[in-house]
N, C-alpha and C. Protein backbone atom coordinates (compact mmCIF):
# COMPACT_ATOMS: atom_id res chain seq x y z
N MET A 1 34.65 0.72 -8.03
CA MET A 1 34.02 0.79 -6.73
C MET A 1 34.23 -0.51 -5.98
N LYS A 2 34.54 -0.38 -4.71
CA LYS A 2 34.69 -1.54 -3.83
C LYS A 2 33.56 -1.48 -2.81
N CYS A 3 32.92 -2.61 -2.56
CA CYS A 3 31.80 -2.63 -1.63
C CYS A 3 31.97 -3.74 -0.61
N TYR A 4 31.97 -3.37 0.67
CA TYR A 4 32.08 -4.32 1.76
C TYR A 4 30.69 -4.80 2.16
N ILE A 5 30.54 -6.12 2.24
CA ILE A 5 29.24 -6.73 2.55
C ILE A 5 29.44 -7.91 3.49
N THR A 6 28.34 -8.38 4.06
CA THR A 6 28.33 -9.68 4.72
C THR A 6 27.35 -10.56 3.94
N ASN A 7 27.51 -11.87 4.09
CA ASN A 7 26.73 -12.81 3.27
C ASN A 7 25.23 -12.66 3.45
N ASN A 8 24.76 -12.44 4.68
CA ASN A 8 23.34 -12.57 4.94
C ASN A 8 22.62 -11.27 5.26
N SER A 9 23.31 -10.15 5.24
CA SER A 9 22.66 -8.87 5.51
C SER A 9 21.64 -8.55 4.41
N PRO A 10 20.39 -8.25 4.79
CA PRO A 10 19.41 -7.88 3.76
C PRO A 10 19.77 -6.58 3.06
N TYR A 11 20.52 -5.72 3.75
CA TYR A 11 20.90 -4.43 3.17
C TYR A 11 22.05 -4.60 2.16
N ALA A 12 22.99 -5.48 2.50
CA ALA A 12 24.05 -5.80 1.54
C ALA A 12 23.44 -6.52 0.32
N ARG A 13 22.48 -7.40 0.57
CA ARG A 13 21.82 -8.07 -0.54
C ARG A 13 21.11 -7.06 -1.44
N LYS A 14 20.51 -6.06 -0.84
CA LYS A 14 19.80 -5.04 -1.61
C LYS A 14 20.75 -4.36 -2.59
N VAL A 15 21.95 -4.02 -2.13
CA VAL A 15 22.94 -3.39 -3.01
C VAL A 15 23.34 -4.34 -4.13
N ARG A 16 23.53 -5.61 -3.79
CA ARG A 16 23.93 -6.59 -4.81
C ARG A 16 22.83 -6.78 -5.85
N VAL A 17 21.57 -6.82 -5.40
CA VAL A 17 20.45 -6.96 -6.34
C VAL A 17 20.39 -5.76 -7.26
N VAL A 18 20.55 -4.56 -6.71
CA VAL A 18 20.52 -3.35 -7.53
C VAL A 18 21.64 -3.39 -8.57
N ALA A 19 22.83 -3.84 -8.15
CA ALA A 19 23.94 -3.95 -9.10
C ALA A 19 23.61 -4.93 -10.22
N PHE A 20 22.96 -6.06 -9.89
CA PHE A 20 22.52 -7.01 -10.91
C PHE A 20 21.50 -6.37 -11.84
N GLU A 21 20.50 -5.73 -11.25
CA GLU A 21 19.39 -5.19 -12.04
C GLU A 21 19.84 -4.07 -12.97
N THR A 22 20.90 -3.37 -12.61
CA THR A 22 21.41 -2.28 -13.45
C THR A 22 22.52 -2.75 -14.39
N GLY A 23 22.88 -4.03 -14.30
CA GLY A 23 23.93 -4.57 -15.17
C GLY A 23 25.34 -4.20 -14.76
N LEU A 24 25.51 -3.77 -13.50
CA LEU A 24 26.81 -3.30 -13.05
C LEU A 24 27.49 -4.23 -12.05
N TYR A 25 26.92 -5.41 -11.84
CA TYR A 25 27.43 -6.30 -10.78
C TYR A 25 28.92 -6.59 -10.94
N ASP A 26 29.33 -6.88 -12.17
CA ASP A 26 30.73 -7.25 -12.41
C ASP A 26 31.67 -6.05 -12.38
N GLU A 27 31.11 -4.84 -12.31
CA GLU A 27 31.94 -3.63 -12.23
C GLU A 27 32.35 -3.33 -10.78
N VAL A 28 31.73 -4.03 -9.84
CA VAL A 28 31.98 -3.78 -8.41
C VAL A 28 32.94 -4.83 -7.86
N GLU A 29 33.89 -4.40 -7.05
CA GLU A 29 34.76 -5.34 -6.33
C GLU A 29 34.10 -5.62 -4.98
N TRP A 30 33.52 -6.82 -4.87
CA TRP A 30 32.78 -7.19 -3.66
C TRP A 30 33.73 -7.76 -2.63
N LYS A 31 33.68 -7.22 -1.42
CA LYS A 31 34.52 -7.70 -0.32
C LYS A 31 33.62 -8.25 0.78
N THR A 32 33.52 -9.57 0.86
CA THR A 32 32.68 -10.21 1.87
C THR A 32 33.48 -10.36 3.16
N ILE A 33 32.94 -9.84 4.24
CA ILE A 33 33.64 -9.91 5.52
C ILE A 33 32.84 -10.76 6.50
N THR A 34 33.52 -11.24 7.51
CA THR A 34 32.87 -12.04 8.55
C THR A 34 32.40 -11.12 9.66
N ARG A 35 31.62 -11.68 10.56
CA ARG A 35 31.16 -10.90 11.72
C ARG A 35 32.34 -10.39 12.54
N GLU A 36 33.38 -11.21 12.65
CA GLU A 36 34.54 -10.83 13.44
C GLU A 36 35.30 -9.66 12.79
N GLU A 37 35.22 -9.56 11.48
CA GLU A 37 35.94 -8.51 10.76
C GLU A 37 35.16 -7.19 10.68
N ARG A 38 33.95 -7.18 11.20
CA ARG A 38 33.12 -5.97 11.06
C ARG A 38 33.73 -4.76 11.77
N GLY A 39 34.52 -5.01 12.81
CA GLY A 39 35.17 -3.90 13.51
C GLY A 39 36.09 -3.11 12.58
N ASP A 40 36.67 -3.82 11.59
CA ASP A 40 37.58 -3.15 10.65
C ASP A 40 36.84 -2.13 9.79
N ILE A 41 35.53 -2.30 9.64
CA ILE A 41 34.73 -1.41 8.79
C ILE A 41 34.67 -0.01 9.39
N GLN A 42 34.91 0.11 10.69
CA GLN A 42 34.84 1.43 11.33
C GLN A 42 35.84 2.41 10.74
N ASN A 43 36.86 1.89 10.05
CA ASN A 43 37.79 2.78 9.35
C ASN A 43 37.08 3.53 8.22
N PHE A 44 35.99 2.94 7.71
CA PHE A 44 35.25 3.54 6.59
C PHE A 44 33.89 4.08 7.04
N ASN A 45 33.24 3.38 7.95
CA ASN A 45 31.94 3.79 8.47
C ASN A 45 32.01 3.78 9.99
N PRO A 46 31.95 4.94 10.64
CA PRO A 46 32.11 4.97 12.11
C PRO A 46 31.06 4.15 12.84
N LEU A 47 29.94 3.83 12.17
CA LEU A 47 28.91 3.02 12.80
C LEU A 47 29.24 1.53 12.73
N GLY A 48 30.26 1.17 11.96
CA GLY A 48 30.67 -0.22 11.86
C GLY A 48 29.67 -1.10 11.13
N LYS A 49 28.87 -0.49 10.26
CA LYS A 49 27.80 -1.24 9.58
C LYS A 49 28.13 -1.45 8.10
N VAL A 50 27.65 -2.57 7.59
CA VAL A 50 27.72 -2.83 6.15
C VAL A 50 26.31 -2.72 5.59
N PRO A 51 26.20 -2.43 4.30
CA PRO A 51 27.28 -2.26 3.33
C PRO A 51 27.91 -0.88 3.43
N VAL A 52 29.14 -0.81 2.95
CA VAL A 52 29.83 0.46 2.80
C VAL A 52 30.64 0.38 1.52
N ALA A 53 30.59 1.43 0.72
CA ALA A 53 31.26 1.44 -0.57
C ALA A 53 32.37 2.48 -0.59
N ILE A 54 33.45 2.13 -1.27
CA ILE A 54 34.55 3.07 -1.49
C ILE A 54 34.62 3.29 -3.00
N LEU A 55 34.39 4.52 -3.41
CA LEU A 55 34.37 4.83 -4.83
C LEU A 55 35.80 4.90 -5.37
N ASP A 56 35.91 4.85 -6.68
CA ASP A 56 37.24 4.84 -7.31
C ASP A 56 38.06 6.07 -6.92
N ALA A 57 37.40 7.19 -6.70
CA ALA A 57 38.11 8.43 -6.31
C ALA A 57 38.47 8.44 -4.83
N GLY A 58 38.03 7.42 -4.08
CA GLY A 58 38.33 7.33 -2.66
C GLY A 58 37.21 7.80 -1.75
N ASP A 59 36.16 8.37 -2.32
CA ASP A 59 35.02 8.80 -1.50
C ASP A 59 34.32 7.59 -0.90
N ILE A 60 33.78 7.78 0.30
CA ILE A 60 33.10 6.70 1.01
C ILE A 60 31.60 6.96 1.00
N VAL A 61 30.84 5.92 0.66
CA VAL A 61 29.38 6.01 0.63
C VAL A 61 28.84 4.96 1.59
N CYS A 62 28.06 5.40 2.58
CA CYS A 62 27.53 4.50 3.61
C CYS A 62 26.02 4.37 3.52
N ASP A 63 25.52 3.24 3.95
CA ASP A 63 24.10 2.93 4.11
C ASP A 63 23.49 2.51 2.77
N SER A 64 22.72 1.46 2.82
CA SER A 64 22.21 0.86 1.58
C SER A 64 21.36 1.79 0.73
N PRO A 65 20.48 2.64 1.30
CA PRO A 65 19.71 3.52 0.41
C PRO A 65 20.61 4.46 -0.41
N VAL A 66 21.68 4.94 0.23
CA VAL A 66 22.58 5.87 -0.46
C VAL A 66 23.41 5.13 -1.51
N ILE A 67 23.92 3.96 -1.16
CA ILE A 67 24.72 3.18 -2.11
C ILE A 67 23.85 2.77 -3.30
N CYS A 68 22.63 2.32 -3.02
CA CYS A 68 21.72 1.92 -4.10
C CYS A 68 21.41 3.10 -5.03
N ALA A 69 21.18 4.26 -4.44
CA ALA A 69 20.90 5.46 -5.25
C ALA A 69 22.11 5.81 -6.10
N TYR A 70 23.29 5.64 -5.54
CA TYR A 70 24.51 5.92 -6.30
C TYR A 70 24.64 4.95 -7.48
N VAL A 71 24.48 3.66 -7.22
CA VAL A 71 24.58 2.66 -8.29
C VAL A 71 23.54 2.94 -9.36
N ASP A 72 22.33 3.26 -8.93
CA ASP A 72 21.25 3.55 -9.89
C ASP A 72 21.58 4.76 -10.75
N SER A 73 22.35 5.70 -10.21
CA SER A 73 22.69 6.91 -10.96
C SER A 73 23.73 6.66 -12.04
N LEU A 74 24.39 5.50 -11.99
CA LEU A 74 25.48 5.21 -12.92
C LEU A 74 25.02 4.76 -14.29
N THR A 75 23.74 4.42 -14.41
CA THR A 75 23.23 3.95 -15.69
C THR A 75 21.92 4.64 -16.02
N SER A 76 21.71 4.86 -17.29
CA SER A 76 20.45 5.49 -17.73
C SER A 76 19.53 4.47 -18.36
N SER A 77 19.96 3.19 -18.38
CA SER A 77 19.17 2.16 -19.05
C SER A 77 17.86 1.89 -18.33
N ARG A 78 17.87 2.05 -17.01
CA ARG A 78 16.67 1.78 -16.22
C ARG A 78 16.79 2.48 -14.88
N ASP A 79 15.80 3.30 -14.55
CA ASP A 79 15.81 4.00 -13.27
C ASP A 79 15.07 3.19 -12.22
N LEU A 80 15.81 2.65 -11.26
CA LEU A 80 15.18 1.94 -10.16
C LEU A 80 14.55 2.91 -9.17
N ILE A 81 15.05 4.14 -9.17
CA ILE A 81 14.45 5.23 -8.40
C ILE A 81 13.98 6.26 -9.41
N PRO A 82 12.68 6.33 -9.67
CA PRO A 82 12.18 7.26 -10.69
C PRO A 82 12.55 8.70 -10.36
N LYS A 83 12.78 9.47 -11.40
CA LYS A 83 13.13 10.87 -11.21
C LYS A 83 11.90 11.76 -11.09
N SER A 84 10.78 11.29 -11.64
CA SER A 84 9.58 12.12 -11.66
C SER A 84 8.72 11.88 -10.41
N GLU A 85 8.11 12.97 -9.95
CA GLU A 85 7.17 12.89 -8.82
C GLU A 85 5.77 12.66 -9.38
N PRO A 86 4.85 12.02 -8.65
CA PRO A 86 4.99 11.52 -7.28
C PRO A 86 5.53 10.10 -7.20
N LYS A 87 5.78 9.46 -8.37
CA LYS A 87 6.22 8.06 -8.35
C LYS A 87 7.51 7.89 -7.55
N ARG A 88 8.40 8.87 -7.64
CA ARG A 88 9.66 8.81 -6.90
C ARG A 88 9.39 8.62 -5.41
N TRP A 89 8.47 9.40 -4.86
CA TRP A 89 8.21 9.35 -3.42
C TRP A 89 7.51 8.05 -3.04
N HIS A 90 6.68 7.51 -3.92
CA HIS A 90 6.05 6.20 -3.65
C HIS A 90 7.12 5.12 -3.55
N VAL A 91 8.06 5.15 -4.49
CA VAL A 91 9.12 4.14 -4.51
C VAL A 91 10.01 4.26 -3.29
N LEU A 92 10.41 5.47 -2.94
CA LEU A 92 11.30 5.66 -1.79
C LEU A 92 10.59 5.34 -0.47
N THR A 93 9.28 5.60 -0.41
CA THR A 93 8.52 5.26 0.80
C THR A 93 8.43 3.74 0.95
N LEU A 94 8.21 3.04 -0.17
CA LEU A 94 8.18 1.58 -0.11
C LEU A 94 9.54 1.02 0.28
N GLU A 95 10.61 1.64 -0.22
CA GLU A 95 11.95 1.21 0.19
C GLU A 95 12.13 1.38 1.70
N ALA A 96 11.67 2.50 2.23
CA ALA A 96 11.79 2.74 3.68
C ALA A 96 11.00 1.71 4.47
N LEU A 97 9.83 1.33 3.97
CA LEU A 97 9.03 0.31 4.65
C LEU A 97 9.73 -1.04 4.61
N GLY A 98 10.31 -1.37 3.46
CA GLY A 98 11.07 -2.61 3.36
C GLY A 98 12.26 -2.62 4.30
N ASP A 99 12.99 -1.50 4.34
CA ASP A 99 14.14 -1.41 5.25
C ASP A 99 13.70 -1.49 6.71
N GLY A 100 12.54 -0.90 7.03
CA GLY A 100 12.02 -0.97 8.39
C GLY A 100 11.64 -2.39 8.78
N LEU A 101 11.06 -3.12 7.84
CA LEU A 101 10.76 -4.54 8.08
C LEU A 101 12.06 -5.28 8.36
N GLY A 102 13.10 -4.97 7.59
CA GLY A 102 14.40 -5.59 7.82
C GLY A 102 14.94 -5.29 9.21
N GLU A 103 14.81 -4.05 9.65
CA GLU A 103 15.29 -3.67 10.98
C GLU A 103 14.57 -4.45 12.07
N ALA A 104 13.25 -4.61 11.90
CA ALA A 104 12.47 -5.33 12.91
C ALA A 104 12.89 -6.80 12.99
N VAL A 105 13.04 -7.45 11.84
CA VAL A 105 13.37 -8.88 11.88
C VAL A 105 14.82 -9.10 12.33
N ILE A 106 15.71 -8.15 12.02
CA ILE A 106 17.08 -8.26 12.53
C ILE A 106 17.08 -8.14 14.05
N ALA A 107 16.29 -7.22 14.59
CA ALA A 107 16.21 -7.05 16.04
C ALA A 107 15.72 -8.32 16.72
N VAL A 108 14.70 -8.95 16.13
CA VAL A 108 14.19 -10.21 16.70
C VAL A 108 15.25 -11.30 16.60
N SER A 109 15.91 -11.39 15.46
CA SER A 109 16.95 -12.41 15.27
C SER A 109 18.07 -12.24 16.29
N GLN A 110 18.51 -11.01 16.50
CA GLN A 110 19.59 -10.77 17.46
C GLN A 110 19.16 -11.11 18.88
N GLU A 111 17.92 -10.79 19.20
CA GLU A 111 17.42 -11.09 20.55
C GLU A 111 17.30 -12.61 20.74
N ASN A 112 16.87 -13.30 19.70
CA ASN A 112 16.73 -14.76 19.78
C ASN A 112 18.07 -15.47 19.94
N GLN A 113 19.15 -14.81 19.54
CA GLN A 113 20.48 -15.42 19.66
C GLN A 113 21.09 -15.23 21.04
N ARG A 114 20.44 -14.43 21.88
CA ARG A 114 20.93 -14.22 23.24
C ARG A 114 20.61 -15.44 24.11
N SER A 115 21.37 -15.59 25.18
CA SER A 115 21.06 -16.65 26.14
C SER A 115 19.72 -16.32 26.81
N ASN A 116 19.06 -17.33 27.35
CA ASN A 116 17.72 -17.16 27.91
C ASN A 116 17.66 -16.08 28.98
N GLU A 117 18.70 -15.99 29.81
CA GLU A 117 18.65 -15.00 30.89
C GLU A 117 18.84 -13.57 30.39
N LYS A 118 19.41 -13.40 29.20
CA LYS A 118 19.61 -12.05 28.64
C LYS A 118 18.57 -11.69 27.59
N ARG A 119 17.83 -12.67 27.12
CA ARG A 119 16.84 -12.44 26.06
C ARG A 119 15.63 -11.69 26.62
N SER A 120 15.18 -10.68 25.86
CA SER A 120 14.02 -9.90 26.28
C SER A 120 12.81 -10.27 25.42
N GLN A 121 11.83 -10.91 26.04
CA GLN A 121 10.61 -11.26 25.30
C GLN A 121 9.86 -10.01 24.89
N GLY A 122 9.99 -8.94 25.69
CA GLY A 122 9.33 -7.68 25.34
C GLY A 122 9.84 -7.12 24.02
N ILE A 123 11.16 -7.17 23.82
CA ILE A 123 11.73 -6.70 22.55
C ILE A 123 11.26 -7.58 21.41
N VAL A 124 11.28 -8.89 21.62
CA VAL A 124 10.84 -9.82 20.57
C VAL A 124 9.39 -9.53 20.18
N ASP A 125 8.53 -9.37 21.17
CA ASP A 125 7.11 -9.14 20.89
C ASP A 125 6.89 -7.80 20.18
N ARG A 126 7.59 -6.78 20.64
CA ARG A 126 7.43 -5.45 20.04
C ARG A 126 7.90 -5.42 18.59
N GLN A 127 9.06 -6.00 18.33
CA GLN A 127 9.61 -6.00 16.97
C GLN A 127 8.84 -6.95 16.05
N THR A 128 8.36 -8.06 16.59
CA THR A 128 7.54 -8.96 15.78
C THR A 128 6.23 -8.27 15.42
N GLY A 129 5.69 -7.50 16.35
CA GLY A 129 4.48 -6.72 16.06
C GLY A 129 4.71 -5.73 14.94
N LYS A 130 5.86 -5.06 14.94
CA LYS A 130 6.19 -4.13 13.86
C LYS A 130 6.28 -4.88 12.53
N ALA A 131 6.91 -6.04 12.55
CA ALA A 131 7.06 -6.83 11.32
C ALA A 131 5.69 -7.24 10.78
N LYS A 132 4.81 -7.69 11.66
CA LYS A 132 3.48 -8.12 11.21
C LYS A 132 2.66 -6.94 10.71
N SER A 133 2.82 -5.78 11.32
CA SER A 133 2.13 -4.59 10.85
C SER A 133 2.60 -4.22 9.44
N ALA A 134 3.91 -4.28 9.22
CA ALA A 134 4.46 -4.00 7.89
C ALA A 134 3.98 -5.03 6.87
N LEU A 135 3.96 -6.29 7.27
CA LEU A 135 3.51 -7.36 6.36
C LEU A 135 2.06 -7.14 5.94
N SER A 136 1.23 -6.68 6.87
CA SER A 136 -0.18 -6.44 6.56
C SER A 136 -0.33 -5.34 5.52
N VAL A 137 0.41 -4.25 5.70
CA VAL A 137 0.37 -3.14 4.74
C VAL A 137 0.91 -3.59 3.39
N LEU A 138 2.00 -4.32 3.40
CA LEU A 138 2.61 -4.80 2.15
C LEU A 138 1.70 -5.78 1.42
N ASP A 139 0.99 -6.60 2.19
CA ASP A 139 0.06 -7.56 1.58
C ASP A 139 -1.04 -6.84 0.81
N ASN A 140 -1.53 -5.74 1.39
CA ASN A 140 -2.57 -4.96 0.72
C ASN A 140 -2.04 -4.23 -0.51
N ALA A 141 -0.75 -3.88 -0.48
CA ALA A 141 -0.16 -3.10 -1.57
C ALA A 141 0.42 -3.96 -2.69
N ALA A 142 0.59 -5.26 -2.44
CA ALA A 142 1.35 -6.11 -3.35
C ALA A 142 0.79 -6.14 -4.77
N SER A 143 -0.52 -6.03 -4.92
CA SER A 143 -1.12 -6.10 -6.26
C SER A 143 -0.73 -4.90 -7.12
N ASP A 144 -0.24 -3.84 -6.50
CA ASP A 144 0.18 -2.63 -7.23
C ASP A 144 1.69 -2.51 -7.36
N PHE A 145 2.43 -3.53 -6.95
CA PHE A 145 3.88 -3.47 -7.03
C PHE A 145 4.33 -3.41 -8.49
N ASN A 146 5.47 -2.74 -8.71
CA ASN A 146 6.02 -2.60 -10.05
C ASN A 146 6.64 -3.90 -10.54
N ASP A 147 6.47 -4.16 -11.82
CA ASP A 147 7.08 -5.33 -12.46
C ASP A 147 7.60 -4.89 -13.82
N PRO A 148 8.91 -4.89 -14.04
CA PRO A 148 9.97 -5.36 -13.14
C PRO A 148 10.09 -4.46 -11.90
N PRO A 149 10.73 -4.99 -10.86
CA PRO A 149 10.77 -4.28 -9.59
C PRO A 149 11.59 -3.01 -9.64
N LEU A 150 11.16 -2.03 -8.86
CA LEU A 150 11.95 -0.82 -8.64
C LEU A 150 12.57 -0.90 -7.24
N MET A 151 13.16 0.18 -6.78
CA MET A 151 13.91 0.16 -5.53
C MET A 151 13.05 -0.30 -4.34
N GLY A 152 11.79 0.13 -4.31
CA GLY A 152 10.93 -0.25 -3.19
C GLY A 152 10.71 -1.75 -3.11
N GLU A 153 10.37 -2.35 -4.24
CA GLU A 153 10.12 -3.80 -4.26
C GLU A 153 11.39 -4.58 -3.92
N ILE A 154 12.52 -4.09 -4.37
CA ILE A 154 13.79 -4.77 -4.06
C ILE A 154 14.04 -4.78 -2.56
N ALA A 155 13.81 -3.64 -1.90
CA ALA A 155 14.01 -3.57 -0.45
C ALA A 155 13.07 -4.52 0.29
N VAL A 156 11.82 -4.56 -0.15
CA VAL A 156 10.83 -5.44 0.50
C VAL A 156 11.25 -6.91 0.34
N ALA A 157 11.62 -7.29 -0.87
CA ALA A 157 11.98 -8.70 -1.11
C ALA A 157 13.22 -9.10 -0.32
N CYS A 158 14.19 -8.21 -0.19
CA CYS A 158 15.39 -8.53 0.58
C CYS A 158 15.06 -8.70 2.07
N ALA A 159 14.16 -7.86 2.58
CA ALA A 159 13.75 -8.01 3.98
C ALA A 159 13.00 -9.32 4.19
N LEU A 160 12.13 -9.67 3.25
CA LEU A 160 11.40 -10.95 3.35
C LEU A 160 12.37 -12.13 3.31
N GLY A 161 13.40 -12.02 2.47
CA GLY A 161 14.38 -13.10 2.39
C GLY A 161 15.09 -13.32 3.70
N TYR A 162 15.45 -12.23 4.38
CA TYR A 162 16.11 -12.36 5.68
C TYR A 162 15.13 -12.89 6.72
N MET A 163 13.89 -12.43 6.65
CA MET A 163 12.87 -12.88 7.59
C MET A 163 12.67 -14.40 7.47
N GLU A 164 12.62 -14.90 6.26
CA GLU A 164 12.49 -16.35 6.06
C GLU A 164 13.75 -17.08 6.49
N PHE A 165 14.90 -16.53 6.16
CA PHE A 165 16.18 -17.15 6.50
C PHE A 165 16.30 -17.36 8.00
N ARG A 166 15.83 -16.39 8.78
CA ARG A 166 15.90 -16.47 10.24
C ARG A 166 14.61 -17.01 10.87
N ASP A 167 13.62 -17.32 10.04
CA ASP A 167 12.34 -17.88 10.48
C ASP A 167 11.71 -17.00 11.58
N ILE A 168 11.59 -15.70 11.28
CA ILE A 168 11.11 -14.74 12.27
C ILE A 168 9.59 -14.75 12.41
N VAL A 169 8.87 -14.85 11.30
CA VAL A 169 7.40 -14.91 11.36
C VAL A 169 6.98 -16.22 10.67
N PRO A 170 7.05 -17.32 11.40
CA PRO A 170 6.73 -18.62 10.79
C PRO A 170 5.32 -18.63 10.20
N GLY A 171 5.18 -19.22 9.03
CA GLY A 171 3.88 -19.34 8.39
C GLY A 171 3.33 -18.04 7.82
N TRP A 172 4.17 -17.03 7.66
CA TRP A 172 3.70 -15.72 7.19
C TRP A 172 3.01 -15.82 5.84
N SER A 173 3.49 -16.72 4.98
CA SER A 173 2.96 -16.79 3.61
C SER A 173 1.52 -17.28 3.58
N GLU A 174 1.08 -17.95 4.64
CA GLU A 174 -0.31 -18.43 4.68
C GLU A 174 -1.26 -17.32 5.14
N THR A 175 -0.72 -16.33 5.83
CA THR A 175 -1.53 -15.21 6.31
C THR A 175 -1.55 -14.07 5.29
N TYR A 176 -0.39 -13.78 4.71
CA TYR A 176 -0.25 -12.65 3.78
C TYR A 176 -0.09 -13.20 2.37
N THR A 177 -1.19 -13.73 1.84
CA THR A 177 -1.12 -14.53 0.61
C THR A 177 -0.78 -13.70 -0.63
N ASN A 178 -1.28 -12.45 -0.70
CA ASN A 178 -0.95 -11.62 -1.86
C ASN A 178 0.54 -11.33 -1.91
N LEU A 179 1.10 -10.98 -0.77
CA LEU A 179 2.52 -10.70 -0.68
C LEU A 179 3.34 -11.95 -0.97
N ALA A 180 2.89 -13.08 -0.46
CA ALA A 180 3.61 -14.34 -0.67
C ALA A 180 3.64 -14.72 -2.15
N SER A 181 2.54 -14.51 -2.84
CA SER A 181 2.49 -14.83 -4.27
C SER A 181 3.45 -13.94 -5.06
N TRP A 182 3.44 -12.65 -4.75
CA TRP A 182 4.36 -11.72 -5.40
C TRP A 182 5.81 -12.11 -5.10
N TYR A 183 6.09 -12.44 -3.85
CA TYR A 183 7.45 -12.79 -3.43
C TYR A 183 7.95 -14.04 -4.16
N ALA A 184 7.08 -15.02 -4.33
CA ALA A 184 7.48 -16.24 -5.05
C ALA A 184 7.89 -15.91 -6.48
N ASP A 185 7.21 -14.95 -7.09
CA ASP A 185 7.55 -14.56 -8.47
C ASP A 185 8.87 -13.80 -8.54
N ILE A 186 9.08 -12.88 -7.61
CA ILE A 186 10.31 -12.07 -7.69
C ILE A 186 11.55 -12.92 -7.43
N LEU A 187 11.39 -13.98 -6.66
CA LEU A 187 12.53 -14.86 -6.38
C LEU A 187 13.03 -15.59 -7.62
N LYS A 188 12.24 -15.59 -8.69
CA LYS A 188 12.66 -16.24 -9.94
C LYS A 188 13.65 -15.39 -10.71
N ARG A 189 13.76 -14.11 -10.36
CA ARG A 189 14.70 -13.25 -11.07
C ARG A 189 16.14 -13.65 -10.73
N GLN A 190 17.01 -13.56 -11.72
CA GLN A 190 18.40 -13.94 -11.52
C GLN A 190 19.05 -13.14 -10.38
N SER A 191 18.68 -11.86 -10.28
CA SER A 191 19.28 -11.02 -9.25
C SER A 191 19.01 -11.55 -7.84
N PHE A 192 17.86 -12.18 -7.64
CA PHE A 192 17.53 -12.74 -6.33
C PHE A 192 18.06 -14.16 -6.17
N ARG A 193 18.04 -14.92 -7.23
CA ARG A 193 18.60 -16.28 -7.15
C ARG A 193 20.08 -16.25 -6.82
N ARG A 194 20.79 -15.29 -7.40
CA ARG A 194 22.24 -15.21 -7.24
C ARG A 194 22.67 -14.61 -5.90
N THR A 195 21.75 -14.00 -5.17
CA THR A 195 22.11 -13.30 -3.93
C THR A 195 21.42 -13.87 -2.70
N ALA A 196 20.86 -15.06 -2.81
CA ALA A 196 20.10 -15.64 -1.69
C ALA A 196 21.00 -15.83 -0.46
N PRO A 197 20.45 -15.64 0.75
CA PRO A 197 21.24 -15.88 1.97
C PRO A 197 21.75 -17.30 2.02
N GLU A 198 22.91 -17.47 2.62
CA GLU A 198 23.54 -18.81 2.70
C GLU A 198 23.40 -19.38 4.09
């Protein structure tokens, strides 16, 4: 399998963490591309987004939840996405919340990179509000997070990593202390140390 990623995408990081956690990291041919090269990805994903994976048979798998589910299906040693209900739906819902947090902080980051005359404070405020709402829910849920992490926790931690990297919600760890404590612990895992944003 070949997987196209960018260095700092929380979604690409999520796939890399899953590959580490399942013991398959070295089985993947990782192709890191630059922002300028992202247009080339449209040959594989018409949306031009990473990550995108090309399987050995030539099939194309797009979007991090699908790629992560595929990687998780390759090993029976540990299910990052439980097969049994209702735990499966809890994990996938937490993954969706983590991915949504990532979308909000990416939107703020992109808006902050615009020139002052093109920057929309309304977008920044709206997306920051979404991020803070997600952080509040996650802070309340953190004491029940799985250890070792499953797919939901991995998505949340990757979104938090990008949020910190771009400094989107400064001082968040002082407000959402339960989540911050959990996050500090998960960062000790090799899968997160090896995939930190640069």
